[in-house]
Amino acid sequence: MTAGFNFIGPGPLHSADLWFIKKINREGTRIDGGLFKIHLTPADFGASRMLIETRDRCNNNPADFEDYKSSKVKAAEHLASGNIFEYKKAKGSSKLLQELNKKYGEPSPPKN
């Protein structure tokens, strides 16, 4: 919080996914006025394990890296129109992410 982040609240898919944002002030750059979002989750949270395995496999397996990179590059066309949800959906076409979704399961709704 002292670094300029504001707590938004829990994410929409799980109450353990805590969201913080910070406005980016980099005058003269394309990211000026953008938002930087951080998710804090328990290490045993399925999405956290999936993210860590995605990183590890991309760092250690060139085929996984190329698959993930190409799906992100192709999905980025949705960002130009500001459609983050279509971007996320298109990025999910990665074989790596599909495999990890099966392994860790789709995020479940929050438990109240």
PDB file of N, CA and C in Angstrom:
ATOM      1  N   MET A   1       0.821  -1.175   0.000  1.00  0.00           N
ATOM      2  CA  MET A   1       0.000   0.000   0.000  1.00  0.00           C
ATOM      3  C   MET A   1       0.882   1.263   0.000  1.00  0.00           C
ATOM      4  N   THR A   2       2.033   1.199   0.658  1.00  0.00           N
ATOM      5  CA  THR A   2       2.900   2.373   0.667  1.00  0.00           C
ATOM      6  C   THR A   2       3.542   2.613  -0.694  1.00  0.00           C
ATOM      7  N   ALA A   3       3.486   1.631  -1.584  1.00  0.00           N
ATOM      8  CA  ALA A   3       4.051   1.774  -2.924  1.00  0.00           C
ATOM      9  C   ALA A   3       3.015   2.335  -3.909  1.00  0.00           C
ATOM     10  N   GLY A   4       1.872   2.755  -3.409  1.00  0.00           N
ATOM     11  CA  GLY A   4       0.881   3.370  -4.265  1.00  0.00           C
ATOM     12  C   GLY A   4      -0.211   2.446  -4.776  1.00  0.00           C
ATOM     13  N   PHE A   5      -0.239   1.210  -4.309  1.00  0.00           N
ATOM     14  CA  PHE A   5      -1.289   0.285  -4.713  1.00  0.00           C
ATOM     15  C   PHE A   5      -2.534   0.494  -3.858  1.00  0.00           C
ATOM     16  N   ASN A   6      -3.688   0.295  -4.471  1.00  0.00           N
ATOM     17  CA  ASN A   6      -4.961   0.365  -3.758  1.00  0.00           C
ATOM     18  C   ASN A   6      -5.615  -0.995  -3.801  1.00  0.00           C
ATOM     19  N   PHE A   7      -6.156  -1.417  -2.658  1.00  0.00           N
ATOM     20  CA  PHE A   7      -6.855  -2.696  -2.590  1.00  0.00           C
ATOM     21  C   PHE A   7      -8.232  -2.534  -3.213  1.00  0.00           C
ATOM     22  N   ILE A   8      -8.536  -3.372  -4.183  1.00  0.00           N
ATOM     23  CA  ILE A   8      -9.824  -3.328  -4.872  1.00  0.00           C
ATOM     24  C   ILE A   8     -10.814  -4.261  -4.202  1.00  0.00           C
ATOM     25  N   GLY A   9     -10.354  -5.449  -3.820  1.00  0.00           N
ATOM     26  CA  GLY A   9     -11.212  -6.451  -3.205  1.00  0.00           C
ATOM     27  C   GLY A   9     -10.888  -7.813  -3.769  1.00  0.00           C
ATOM     28  N   PRO A  10     -11.681  -8.805  -3.398  1.00  0.00           N
ATOM     29  CA  PRO A  10     -11.450 -10.148  -3.942  1.00  0.00           C
ATOM     30  C   PRO A  10     -11.863 -10.211  -5.401  1.00  0.00           C
ATOM     31  N   GLY A  11     -11.187 -11.070  -6.149  1.00  0.00           N
ATOM     32  CA  GLY A  11     -11.518 -11.258  -7.557  1.00  0.00           C
ATOM     33  C   GLY A  11     -12.876 -11.902  -7.729  1.00  0.00           C
ATOM     34  N   PRO A  12     -13.403 -11.870  -8.947  1.00  0.00           N
ATOM     35  CA  PRO A  12     -14.754 -12.372  -9.183  1.00  0.00           C
ATOM     36  C   PRO A  12     -14.890 -13.896  -9.134  1.00  0.00           C
ATOM     37  N   LEU A  13     -13.783 -14.619  -9.268  1.00  0.00           N
ATOM     38  CA  LEU A  13     -13.876 -16.074  -9.315  1.00  0.00           C
ATOM     39  C   LEU A  13     -13.590 -16.762  -7.991  1.00  0.00           C
ATOM     40  N   HIS A  14     -12.865 -16.086  -7.099  1.00  0.00           N
ATOM     41  CA  HIS A  14     -12.550 -16.720  -5.821  1.00  0.00           C
ATOM     42  C   HIS A  14     -12.210 -15.661  -4.779  1.00  0.00           C
ATOM     43  N   SER A  15     -12.717 -15.838  -3.583  1.00  0.00           N
ATOM     44  CA  SER A  15     -12.500 -14.853  -2.519  1.00  0.00           C
ATOM     45  C   SER A  15     -11.050 -14.808  -2.035  1.00  0.00           C
ATOM     46  N   ALA A  16     -10.249 -15.821  -2.349  1.00  0.00           N
ATOM     47  CA  ALA A  16      -8.840 -15.828  -1.949  1.00  0.00           C
ATOM     48  C   ALA A  16      -7.948 -15.097  -2.945  1.00  0.00           C
ATOM     49  N   ASP A  17      -8.499 -14.638  -4.046  1.00  0.00           N
ATOM     50  CA  ASP A  17      -7.761 -13.906  -5.077  1.00  0.00           C
ATOM     51  C   ASP A  17      -7.936 -12.416  -4.792  1.00  0.00           C
ATOM     52  N   LEU A  18      -6.955 -11.818  -4.123  1.00  0.00           N
ATOM     53  CA  LEU A  18      -7.045 -10.415  -3.714  1.00  0.00           C
ATOM     54  C   LEU A  18      -6.410  -9.523  -4.771  1.00  0.00           C
ATOM     55  N   TRP A  19      -7.138  -8.482  -5.190  1.00  0.00           N
ATOM     56  CA  TRP A  19      -6.697  -7.604  -6.271  1.00  0.00           C
ATOM     57  C   TRP A  19      -6.256  -6.257  -5.737  1.00  0.00           C
ATOM     58  N   PHE A  20      -5.102  -5.797  -6.246  1.00  0.00           N
ATOM     59  CA  PHE A  20      -4.569  -4.470  -5.947  1.00  0.00           C
ATOM     60  C   PHE A  20      -4.250  -3.798  -7.279  1.00  0.00           C
ATOM     61  N   ILE A  21      -4.463  -2.494  -7.380  1.00  0.00           N
ATOM     62  CA  ILE A  21      -4.110  -1.774  -8.598  1.00  0.00           C
ATOM     63  C   ILE A  21      -3.315  -0.513  -8.271  1.00  0.00           C
ATOM     64  N   LYS A  22      -2.569  -0.074  -9.269  1.00  0.00           N
ATOM     65  CA  LYS A  22      -1.786   1.157  -9.157  1.00  0.00           C
ATOM     66  C   LYS A  22      -1.816   1.838 -10.515  1.00  0.00           C
ATOM     67  N   LYS A  23      -2.076   3.130 -10.514  1.00  0.00           N
ATOM     68  CA  LYS A  23      -2.047   3.891 -11.761  1.00  0.00           C
ATOM     69  C   LYS A  23      -0.590   4.132 -12.157  1.00  0.00           C
ATOM     70  N   ILE A  24      -0.314   3.953 -13.444  1.00  0.00           N
ATOM     71  CA  ILE A  24       1.045   4.127 -13.956  1.00  0.00           C
ATOM     72  C   ILE A  24       1.186   5.531 -14.516  1.00  0.00           C
ATOM     73  N   ASN A  25       2.179   6.243 -14.040  1.00  0.00           N
ATOM     74  CA  ASN A  25       2.453   7.597 -14.514  1.00  0.00           C
ATOM     75  C   ASN A  25       3.821   7.611 -15.187  1.00  0.00           C
ATOM     76  N   ARG A  26       3.813   7.406 -16.475  1.00  0.00           N
ATOM     77  CA  ARG A  26       5.040   7.428 -17.275  1.00  0.00           C
ATOM     78  C   ARG A  26       4.789   8.306 -18.478  1.00  0.00           C
ATOM     79  N   GLU A  27       4.830   9.607 -18.262  1.00  0.00           N
ATOM     80  CA  GLU A  27       4.535  10.567 -19.319  1.00  0.00           C
ATOM     81  C   GLU A  27       5.401  10.312 -20.545  1.00  0.00           C
ATOM     82  N   GLY A  28       4.757  10.368 -21.707  1.00  0.00           N
ATOM     83  CA  GLY A  28       5.477  10.177 -22.953  1.00  0.00           C
ATOM     84  C   GLY A  28       5.598   8.733 -23.383  1.00  0.00           C
ATOM     85  N   THR A  29       5.027   7.802 -22.613  1.00  0.00           N
ATOM     86  CA  THR A  29       5.058   6.391 -23.000  1.00  0.00           C
ATOM     87  C   THR A  29       3.644   5.915 -23.264  1.00  0.00           C
ATOM     88  N   ARG A  30       3.521   4.802 -23.947  1.00  0.00           N
ATOM     89  CA  ARG A  30       2.187   4.286 -24.249  1.00  0.00           C
ATOM     90  C   ARG A  30       1.489   3.712 -23.029  1.00  0.00           C
ATOM     91  N   ILE A  31       2.223   3.489 -21.944  1.00  0.00           N
ATOM     92  CA  ILE A  31       1.582   2.953 -20.734  1.00  0.00           C
ATOM     93  C   ILE A  31       1.159   4.045 -19.762  1.00  0.00           C
ATOM     94  N   ASP A  32       1.428   5.312 -20.083  1.00  0.00           N
ATOM     95  CA  ASP A  32       1.042   6.407 -19.192  1.00  0.00           C
ATOM     96  C   ASP A  32      -0.470   6.389 -18.979  1.00  0.00           C
ATOM     97  N   GLY A  33      -0.884   6.438 -17.726  1.00  0.00           N
ATOM     98  CA  GLY A  33      -2.300   6.434 -17.393  1.00  0.00           C
ATOM     99  C   GLY A  33      -2.900   5.039 -17.300  1.00  0.00           C
ATOM    100  N   GLY A  34      -2.101   4.023 -17.543  1.00  0.00           N
ATOM    101  CA  GLY A  34      -2.584   2.645 -17.460  1.00  0.00           C
ATOM    102  C   GLY A  34      -2.675   2.177 -16.017  1.00  0.00           C
ATOM    103  N   LEU A  35      -3.170   0.993 -15.831  1.00  0.00           N
ATOM    104  CA  LEU A  35      -3.288   0.406 -14.499  1.00  0.00           C
ATOM    105  C   LEU A  35      -2.431  -0.847 -14.421  1.00  0.00           C
ATOM    106  N   PHE A  36      -1.756  -0.990 -13.293  1.00  0.00           N
ATOM    107  CA  PHE A  36      -0.952  -2.168 -13.010  1.00  0.00           C
ATOM    108  C   PHE A  36      -1.711  -2.951 -11.952  1.00  0.00           C
ATOM    109  N   LYS A  37      -2.039  -4.208 -12.245  1.00  0.00           N
ATOM    110  CA  LYS A  37      -2.833  -5.016 -11.323  1.00  0.00           C
ATOM    111  C   LYS A  37      -1.989  -6.152 -10.765  1.00  0.00           C
ATOM    112  N   ILE A  38      -2.124  -6.381  -9.466  1.00  0.00           N
ATOM    113  CA  ILE A  38      -1.452  -7.486  -8.794  1.00  0.00           C
ATOM    114  C   ILE A  38      -2.516  -8.364  -8.152  1.00  0.00           C
ATOM    115  N   HIS A  39      -2.354  -9.680  -8.311  1.00  0.00           N
ATOM    116  CA  HIS A  39      -3.198 -10.647  -7.624  1.00  0.00           C
ATOM    117  C   HIS A  39      -2.363 -11.281  -6.514  1.00  0.00           C
ATOM    118  N   LEU A  40      -2.874 -11.324  -5.326  1.00  0.00           N
ATOM    119  CA  LEU A  40      -2.238 -12.061  -4.236  1.00  0.00           C
ATOM    120  C   LEU A  40      -3.137 -13.241  -3.907  1.00  0.00           C
ATOM    121  N   THR A  41      -2.549 -14.428  -3.981  1.00  0.00           N
ATOM    122  CA  THR A  41      -3.318 -15.646  -3.712  1.00  0.00           C
ATOM    123  C   THR A  41      -2.481 -16.597  -2.871  1.00  0.00           C
ATOM    124  N   PRO A  42      -3.138 -17.519  -2.165  1.00  0.00           N
ATOM    125  CA  PRO A  42      -2.372 -18.551  -1.448  1.00  0.00           C
ATOM    126  C   PRO A  42      -1.589 -19.411  -2.447  1.00  0.00           C
ATOM    127  N   ALA A  43      -0.440 -19.914  -2.032  1.00  0.00           N
ATOM    128  CA  ALA A  43       0.413 -20.713  -2.924  1.00  0.00           C
ATOM    129  C   ALA A  43      -0.262 -21.996  -3.377  1.00  0.00           C
ATOM    130  N   ASP A  44      -1.192 -22.528  -2.588  1.00  0.00           N
ATOM    131  CA  ASP A  44      -1.843 -23.782  -2.956  1.00  0.00           C
ATOM    132  C   ASP A  44      -3.127 -23.576  -3.759  1.00  0.00           C
ATOM    133  N   PHE A  45      -3.426 -22.353  -4.085  1.00  0.00           N
ATOM    134  CA  PHE A  45      -4.587 -22.015  -4.903  1.00  0.00           C
ATOM    135  C   PHE A  45      -4.338 -22.551  -6.312  1.00  0.00           C
ATOM    136  N   GLY A  46      -5.326 -23.202  -6.930  1.00  0.00           N
ATOM    137  CA  GLY A  46      -5.142 -23.823  -8.242  1.00  0.00           C
ATOM    138  C   GLY A  46      -4.590 -22.873  -9.289  1.00  0.00           C
ATOM    139  N   ALA A  47      -5.132 -21.648  -9.336  1.00  0.00           N
ATOM    140  CA  ALA A  47      -4.652 -20.681 -10.330  1.00  0.00           C
ATOM    141  C   ALA A  47      -3.198 -20.298 -10.071  1.00  0.00           C
ATOM    142  N   SER A  48      -2.801 -20.240  -8.815  1.00  0.00           N
ATOM    143  CA  SER A  48      -1.399 -19.934  -8.482  1.00  0.00           C
ATOM    144  C   SER A  48      -0.491 -21.052  -8.952  1.00  0.00           C
ATOM    145  N   ARG A  49      -0.873 -22.284  -8.690  1.00  0.00           N
ATOM    146  CA  ARG A  49      -0.058 -23.428  -9.131  1.00  0.00           C
ATOM    147  C   ARG A  49       0.033 -23.465 -10.649  1.00  0.00           C
ATOM    148  N   MET A  50      -1.085 -23.130 -11.315  1.00  0.00           N
ATOM    149  CA  MET A  50      -1.089 -23.122 -12.774  1.00  0.00           C
ATOM    150  C   MET A  50      -0.146 -22.053 -13.322  1.00  0.00           C
ATOM    151  N   LEU A  51      -0.167 -20.874 -12.730  1.00  0.00           N
ATOM    152  CA  LEU A  51       0.708 -19.792 -13.161  1.00  0.00           C
ATOM    153  C   LEU A  51       2.178 -20.163 -12.971  1.00  0.00           C
ATOM    154  N   ILE A  52       2.502 -20.757 -11.841  1.00  0.00           N
ATOM    155  CA  ILE A  52       3.885 -21.155 -11.564  1.00  0.00           C
ATOM    156  C   ILE A  52       4.341 -22.236 -12.546  1.00  0.00           C
ATOM    157  N   GLU A  53       3.472 -23.213 -12.812  1.00  0.00           N
ATOM    158  CA  GLU A  53       3.860 -24.260 -13.763  1.00  0.00           C
ATOM    159  C   GLU A  53       3.975 -23.713 -15.178  1.00  0.00           C
ATOM    160  N   THR A  54       3.124 -22.759 -15.545  1.00  0.00           N
ATOM    161  CA  THR A  54       3.234 -22.121 -16.862  1.00  0.00           C
ATOM    162  C   THR A  54       4.602 -21.469 -16.995  1.00  0.00           C
ATOM    163  N   ARG A  55       4.994 -20.700 -15.985  1.00  0.00           N
ATOM    164  CA  ARG A  55       6.317 -20.051 -15.997  1.00  0.00           C
ATOM    165  C   ARG A  55       7.433 -21.070 -16.112  1.00  0.00           C
ATOM    166  N   ASP A  56       7.386 -22.115 -15.279  1.00  0.00           N
ATOM    167  CA  ASP A  56       8.457 -23.103 -15.260  1.00  0.00           C
ATOM    168  C   ASP A  56       8.557 -23.857 -16.588  1.00  0.00           C
ATOM    169  N   ARG A  57       7.423 -24.232 -17.146  1.00  0.00           N
ATOM    170  CA  ARG A  57       7.457 -24.975 -18.403  1.00  0.00           C
ATOM    171  C   ARG A  57       7.909 -24.093 -19.562  1.00  0.00           C
ATOM    172  N   CYS A  58       7.499 -22.827 -19.567  1.00  0.00           N
ATOM    173  CA  CYS A  58       7.955 -21.918 -20.628  1.00  0.00           C
ATOM    174  C   CYS A  58       9.449 -21.661 -20.521  1.00  0.00           C
ATOM    175  N   ASN A  59       9.977 -21.629 -19.301  1.00  0.00           N
ATOM    176  CA  ASN A  59      11.413 -21.421 -19.112  1.00  0.00           C
ATOM    177  C   ASN A  59      12.239 -22.645 -19.488  1.00  0.00           C
ATOM    178  N   ASN A  60      11.643 -23.840 -19.398  1.00  0.00           N
ATOM    179  CA  ASN A  60      12.407 -25.068 -19.583  1.00  0.00           C
ATOM    180  C   ASN A  60      12.081 -25.846 -20.849  1.00  0.00           C
ATOM    181  N   ASN A  61      11.023 -25.475 -21.559  1.00  0.00           N
ATOM    182  CA  ASN A  61      10.618 -26.230 -22.732  1.00  0.00           C
ATOM    183  C   ASN A  61      10.302 -25.255 -23.867  1.00  0.00           C
ATOM    184  N   PRO A  62      11.176 -25.161 -24.859  1.00  0.00           N
ATOM    185  CA  PRO A  62      10.956 -24.215 -25.953  1.00  0.00           C
ATOM    186  C   PRO A  62       9.621 -24.402 -26.679  1.00  0.00           C
ATOM    187  N   ALA A  63       9.148 -25.641 -26.809  1.00  0.00           N
ATOM    188  CA  ALA A  63       7.871 -25.873 -27.497  1.00  0.00           C
ATOM    189  C   ALA A  63       6.710 -25.271 -26.692  1.00  0.00           C
ATOM    190  N   ASP A  64       6.729 -25.423 -25.369  1.00  0.00           N
ATOM    191  CA  ASP A  64       5.689 -24.824 -24.527  1.00  0.00           C
ATOM    192  C   ASP A  64       5.742 -23.299 -24.616  1.00  0.00           C
ATOM    193  N   PHE A  65       6.963 -22.759 -24.603  1.00  0.00           N
ATOM    194  CA  PHE A  65       7.119 -21.303 -24.700  1.00  0.00           C
ATOM    195  C   PHE A  65       6.540 -20.784 -26.016  1.00  0.00           C
ATOM    196  N   GLU A  66       6.883 -21.420 -27.137  1.00  0.00           N
ATOM    197  CA  GLU A  66       6.405 -20.967 -28.441  1.00  0.00           C
ATOM    198  C   GLU A  66       4.889 -21.090 -28.558  1.00  0.00           C
ATOM    199  N   ASP A  67       4.324 -22.163 -28.012  1.00  0.00           N
ATOM    200  CA  ASP A  67       2.872 -22.348 -28.032  1.00  0.00           C
ATOM    201  C   ASP A  67       2.188 -21.221 -27.247  1.00  0.00           C
ATOM    202  N   TYR A  68       2.670 -20.967 -26.047  1.00  0.00           N
ATOM    203  CA  TYR A  68       2.074 -19.933 -25.195  1.00  0.00           C
ATOM    204  C   TYR A  68       2.256 -18.543 -25.820  1.00  0.00           C
ATOM    205  N   LYS A  69       3.466 -18.273 -26.323  1.00  0.00           N
ATOM    206  CA  LYS A  69       3.749 -16.973 -26.938  1.00  0.00           C
ATOM    207  C   LYS A  69       2.867 -16.732 -28.156  1.00  0.00           C
ATOM    208  N   SER A  70       2.738 -17.727 -29.026  1.00  0.00           N
ATOM    209  CA  SER A  70       1.948 -17.517 -30.243  1.00  0.00           C
ATOM    210  C   SER A  70       0.472 -17.299 -29.910  1.00  0.00           C
ATOM    211  N   SER A  71      -0.050 -17.970 -28.887  1.00  0.00           N
ATOM    212  CA  SER A  71      -1.461 -17.743 -28.527  1.00  0.00           C
ATOM    213  C   SER A  71      -1.645 -16.341 -27.947  1.00  0.00           C
ATOM    214  N   LYS A  72      -0.665 -15.859 -27.176  1.00  0.00           N
ATOM    215  CA  LYS A  72      -0.757 -14.498 -26.620  1.00  0.00           C
ATOM    216  C   LYS A  72      -0.649 -13.438 -27.712  1.00  0.00           C
ATOM    217  N   VAL A  73       0.253 -13.634 -28.655  1.00  0.00           N
ATOM    218  CA  VAL A  73       0.419 -12.660 -29.743  1.00  0.00           C
ATOM    219  C   VAL A  73      -0.852 -12.590 -30.578  1.00  0.00           C
ATOM    220  N   LYS A  74      -1.405 -13.747 -30.918  1.00  0.00           N
ATOM    221  CA  LYS A  74      -2.636 -13.769 -31.697  1.00  0.00           C
ATOM    222  C   LYS A  74      -3.796 -13.159 -30.910  1.00  0.00           C
ATOM    223  N   ALA A  75      -3.877 -13.458 -29.630  1.00  0.00           N
ATOM    224  CA  ALA A  75      -4.965 -12.947 -28.783  1.00  0.00           C
ATOM    225  C   ALA A  75      -4.859 -11.441 -28.575  1.00  0.00           C
ATOM    226  N   ALA A  76      -3.657 -10.882 -28.705  1.00  0.00           N
ATOM    227  CA  ALA A  76      -3.441  -9.451 -28.445  1.00  0.00           C
ATOM    228  C   ALA A  76      -4.255  -8.549 -29.357  1.00  0.00           C
ATOM    229  N   GLU A  77      -4.707  -9.069 -30.500  1.00  0.00           N
ATOM    230  CA  GLU A  77      -5.530  -8.229 -31.383  1.00  0.00           C
ATOM    231  C   GLU A  77      -6.814  -7.784 -30.678  1.00  0.00           C
ATOM    232  N   HIS A  78      -7.272  -8.550 -29.695  1.00  0.00           N
ATOM    233  CA  HIS A  78      -8.473  -8.176 -28.932  1.00  0.00           C
ATOM    234  C   HIS A  78      -8.189  -7.002 -27.982  1.00  0.00           C
ATOM    235  N   LEU A  79      -6.946  -6.845 -27.590  1.00  0.00           N
ATOM    236  CA  LEU A  79      -6.603  -5.745 -26.682  1.00  0.00           C
ATOM    237  C   LEU A  79      -6.713  -4.396 -27.369  1.00  0.00           C
ATOM    238  N   ALA A  80      -6.467  -4.373 -28.674  1.00  0.00           N
ATOM    239  CA  ALA A  80      -6.559  -3.113 -29.416  1.00  0.00           C
ATOM    240  C   ALA A  80      -7.964  -2.528 -29.333  1.00  0.00           C
ATOM    241  N   SER A  81      -8.962  -3.406 -29.243  1.00  0.00           N
ATOM    242  CA  SER A  81     -10.345  -2.929 -29.124  1.00  0.00           C
ATOM    243  C   SER A  81     -10.785  -2.835 -27.670  1.00  0.00           C
ATOM    244  N   GLY A  82      -9.860  -3.105 -26.742  1.00  0.00           N
ATOM    245  CA  GLY A  82     -10.168  -2.980 -25.323  1.00  0.00           C
ATOM    246  C   GLY A  82     -10.947  -4.144 -24.748  1.00  0.00           C
ATOM    247  N   ASN A  83     -11.003  -5.264 -25.459  1.00  0.00           N
ATOM    248  CA  ASN A  83     -11.789  -6.398 -24.994  1.00  0.00           C
ATOM    249  C   ASN A  83     -10.902  -7.409 -24.260  1.00  0.00           C
ATOM    250  N   ILE A  84     -10.704  -7.185 -22.965  1.00  0.00           N
ATOM    251  CA  ILE A  84      -9.833  -8.033 -22.155  1.00  0.00           C
ATOM    252  C   ILE A  84     -10.376  -9.453 -22.030  1.00  0.00           C
ATOM    253  N   PHE A  85     -11.705  -9.599 -21.981  1.00  0.00           N
ATOM    254  CA  PHE A  85     -12.275 -10.933 -21.823  1.00  0.00           C
ATOM    255  C   PHE A  85     -12.061 -11.789 -23.074  1.00  0.00           C
ATOM    256  N   GLU A  86     -12.173 -11.187 -24.260  1.00  0.00           N
ATOM    257  CA  GLU A  86     -11.885 -11.926 -25.489  1.00  0.00           C
ATOM    258  C   GLU A  86     -10.402 -12.265 -25.576  1.00  0.00           C
ATOM    259  N   TYR A  87      -9.552 -11.369 -25.086  1.00  0.00           N
ATOM    260  CA  TYR A  87      -8.116 -11.640 -25.039  1.00  0.00           C
ATOM    261  C   TYR A  87      -7.841 -12.874 -24.178  1.00  0.00           C
ATOM    262  N   LYS A  88      -8.413 -12.895 -22.981  1.00  0.00           N
ATOM    263  CA  LYS A  88      -8.197 -14.026 -22.071  1.00  0.00           C
ATOM    264  C   LYS A  88      -8.710 -15.323 -22.693  1.00  0.00           C
ATOM    265  N   LYS A  89      -9.865 -15.255 -23.319  1.00  0.00           N
ATOM    266  CA  LYS A  89     -10.455 -16.433 -23.952  1.00  0.00           C
ATOM    267  C   LYS A  89      -9.567 -16.930 -25.093  1.00  0.00           C
ATOM    268  N   ALA A  90      -9.104 -16.029 -25.947  1.00  0.00           N
ATOM    269  CA  ALA A  90      -8.253 -16.404 -27.071  1.00  0.00           C
ATOM    270  C   ALA A  90      -6.901 -16.926 -26.600  1.00  0.00           C
ATOM    271  N   LYS A  91      -6.359 -16.332 -25.551  1.00  0.00           N
ATOM    272  CA  LYS A  91      -5.077 -16.793 -25.000  1.00  0.00           C
ATOM    273  C   LYS A  91      -5.209 -18.237 -24.509  1.00  0.00           C
ATOM    274  N   GLY A  92      -6.410 -18.592 -24.052  1.00  0.00           N
ATOM    275  CA  GLY A  92      -6.658 -19.945 -23.562  1.00  0.00           C
ATOM    276  C   GLY A  92      -6.606 -21.012 -24.634  1.00  0.00           C
ATOM    277  N   SER A  93      -6.454 -20.615 -25.904  1.00  0.00           N
ATOM    278  CA  SER A  93      -6.339 -21.607 -26.975  1.00  0.00           C
ATOM    279  C   SER A  93      -4.977 -22.297 -26.960  1.00  0.00           C
ATOM    280  N   SER A  94      -4.068 -21.791 -26.153  1.00  0.00           N
ATOM    281  CA  SER A  94      -2.752 -22.410 -26.018  1.00  0.00           C
ATOM    282  C   SER A  94      -2.902 -23.857 -25.550  1.00  0.00           C
ATOM    283  N   LYS A  95      -2.195 -24.768 -26.209  1.00  0.00           N
ATOM    284  CA  LYS A  95      -2.229 -26.179 -25.794  1.00  0.00           C
ATOM    285  C   LYS A  95      -1.726 -26.330 -24.364  1.00  0.00           C
ATOM    286  N   LEU A  96      -0.709 -25.551 -24.015  1.00  0.00           N
ATOM    287  CA  LEU A  96      -0.178 -25.594 -22.655  1.00  0.00           C
ATOM    288  C   LEU A  96      -1.251 -25.220 -21.642  1.00  0.00           C
ATOM    289  N   LEU A  97      -1.953 -24.111 -21.885  1.00  0.00           N
ATOM    290  CA  LEU A  97      -2.978 -23.675 -20.931  1.00  0.00           C
ATOM    291  C   LEU A  97      -4.147 -24.650 -20.877  1.00  0.00           C
ATOM    292  N   GLN A  98      -4.500 -25.231 -22.005  1.00  0.00           N
ATOM    293  CA  GLN A  98      -5.576 -26.222 -22.003  1.00  0.00           C
ATOM    294  C   GLN A  98      -5.185 -27.438 -21.163  1.00  0.00           C
ATOM    295  N   GLU A  99      -3.949 -27.873 -21.305  1.00  0.00           N
ATOM    296  CA  GLU A  99      -3.457 -28.999 -20.517  1.00  0.00           C
ATOM    297  C   GLU A  99      -3.467 -28.670 -19.020  1.00  0.00           C
ATOM    298  N   LEU A 100      -2.995 -27.474 -18.681  1.00  0.00           N
ATOM    299  CA  LEU A 100      -2.938 -27.097 -17.267  1.00  0.00           C
ATOM    300  C   LEU A 100      -4.328 -26.850 -16.689  1.00  0.00           C
ATOM    301  N   ASN A 101      -5.265 -26.373 -17.511  1.00  0.00           N
ATOM    302  CA  ASN A 101      -6.644 -26.228 -17.035  1.00  0.00           C
ATOM    303  C   ASN A 101      -7.222 -27.586 -16.651  1.00  0.00           C
ATOM    304  N   LYS A 102      -6.907 -28.614 -17.438  1.00  0.00           N
ATOM    305  CA  LYS A 102      -7.374 -29.965 -17.107  1.00  0.00           C
ATOM    306  C   LYS A 102      -6.722 -30.454 -15.812  1.00  0.00           C
ATOM    307  N   LYS A 103      -5.455 -30.155 -15.659  1.00  0.00           N
ATOM    308  CA  LYS A 103      -4.713 -30.617 -14.484  1.00  0.00           C
ATOM    309  C   LYS A 103      -5.189 -29.924 -13.210  1.00  0.00           C
ATOM    310  N   TYR A 104      -5.343 -28.603 -13.268  1.00  0.00           N
ATOM    311  CA  TYR A 104      -5.673 -27.838 -12.063  1.00  0.00           C
ATOM    312  C   TYR A 104      -7.146 -27.474 -11.958  1.00  0.00           C
ATOM    313  N   GLY A 105      -7.877 -27.668 -13.036  1.00  0.00           N
ATOM    314  CA  GLY A 105      -9.297 -27.350 -13.019  1.00  0.00           C
ATOM    315  C   GLY A 105      -9.546 -25.880 -13.248  1.00  0.00           C
ATOM    316  N   GLU A 106     -10.723 -25.593 -13.749  1.00  0.00           N
ATOM    317  CA  GLU A 106     -11.141 -24.208 -13.939  1.00  0.00           C
ATOM    318  C   GLU A 106     -11.359 -23.591 -12.569  1.00  0.00           C
ATOM    319  N   PRO A 107     -11.159 -22.284 -12.449  1.00  0.00           N
ATOM    320  CA  PRO A 107     -11.428 -21.629 -11.166  1.00  0.00           C
ATOM    321  C   PRO A 107     -12.878 -21.848 -10.756  1.00  0.00           C
ATOM    322  N   SER A 108     -13.070 -22.083  -9.484  1.00  0.00           N
ATOM    323  CA  SER A 108     -14.431 -22.295  -8.982  1.00  0.00           C
ATOM    324  C   SER A 108     -14.974 -20.984  -8.411  1.00  0.00           C
ATOM    325  N   PRO A 109     -16.301 -20.877  -8.338  1.00  0.00           N
ATOM    326  CA  PRO A 109     -16.892 -19.663  -7.776  1.00  0.00           C
ATOM    327  C   PRO A 109     -16.483 -19.487  -6.330  1.00  0.00           C
ATOM    328  N   PRO A 110     -16.559 -18.261  -5.804  1.00  0.00           N
ATOM    329  CA  PRO A 110     -16.176 -18.018  -4.421  1.00  0.00           C
ATOM    330  C   PRO A 110     -17.047 -18.804  -3.446  1.00  0.00           C
ATOM    331  N   LYS A 111     -16.435 -19.176  -2.343  1.00  0.00           N
ATOM    332  CA  LYS A 111     -17.166 -19.825  -1.273  1.00  0.00           C
ATOM    333  C   LYS A 111     -17.451 -18.786  -0.208  1.00  0.00           C
ATOM    334  N   ASN A 112     -18.706 -18.580   0.081  1.00  0.00           N
ATOM    335  CA  ASN A 112     -19.086 -17.570   1.094  1.00  0.00           C
ATOM    336  C   ASN A 112     -19.265 -18.191   2.443  1.00  0.00           C
TER     337      ASN A 112
END
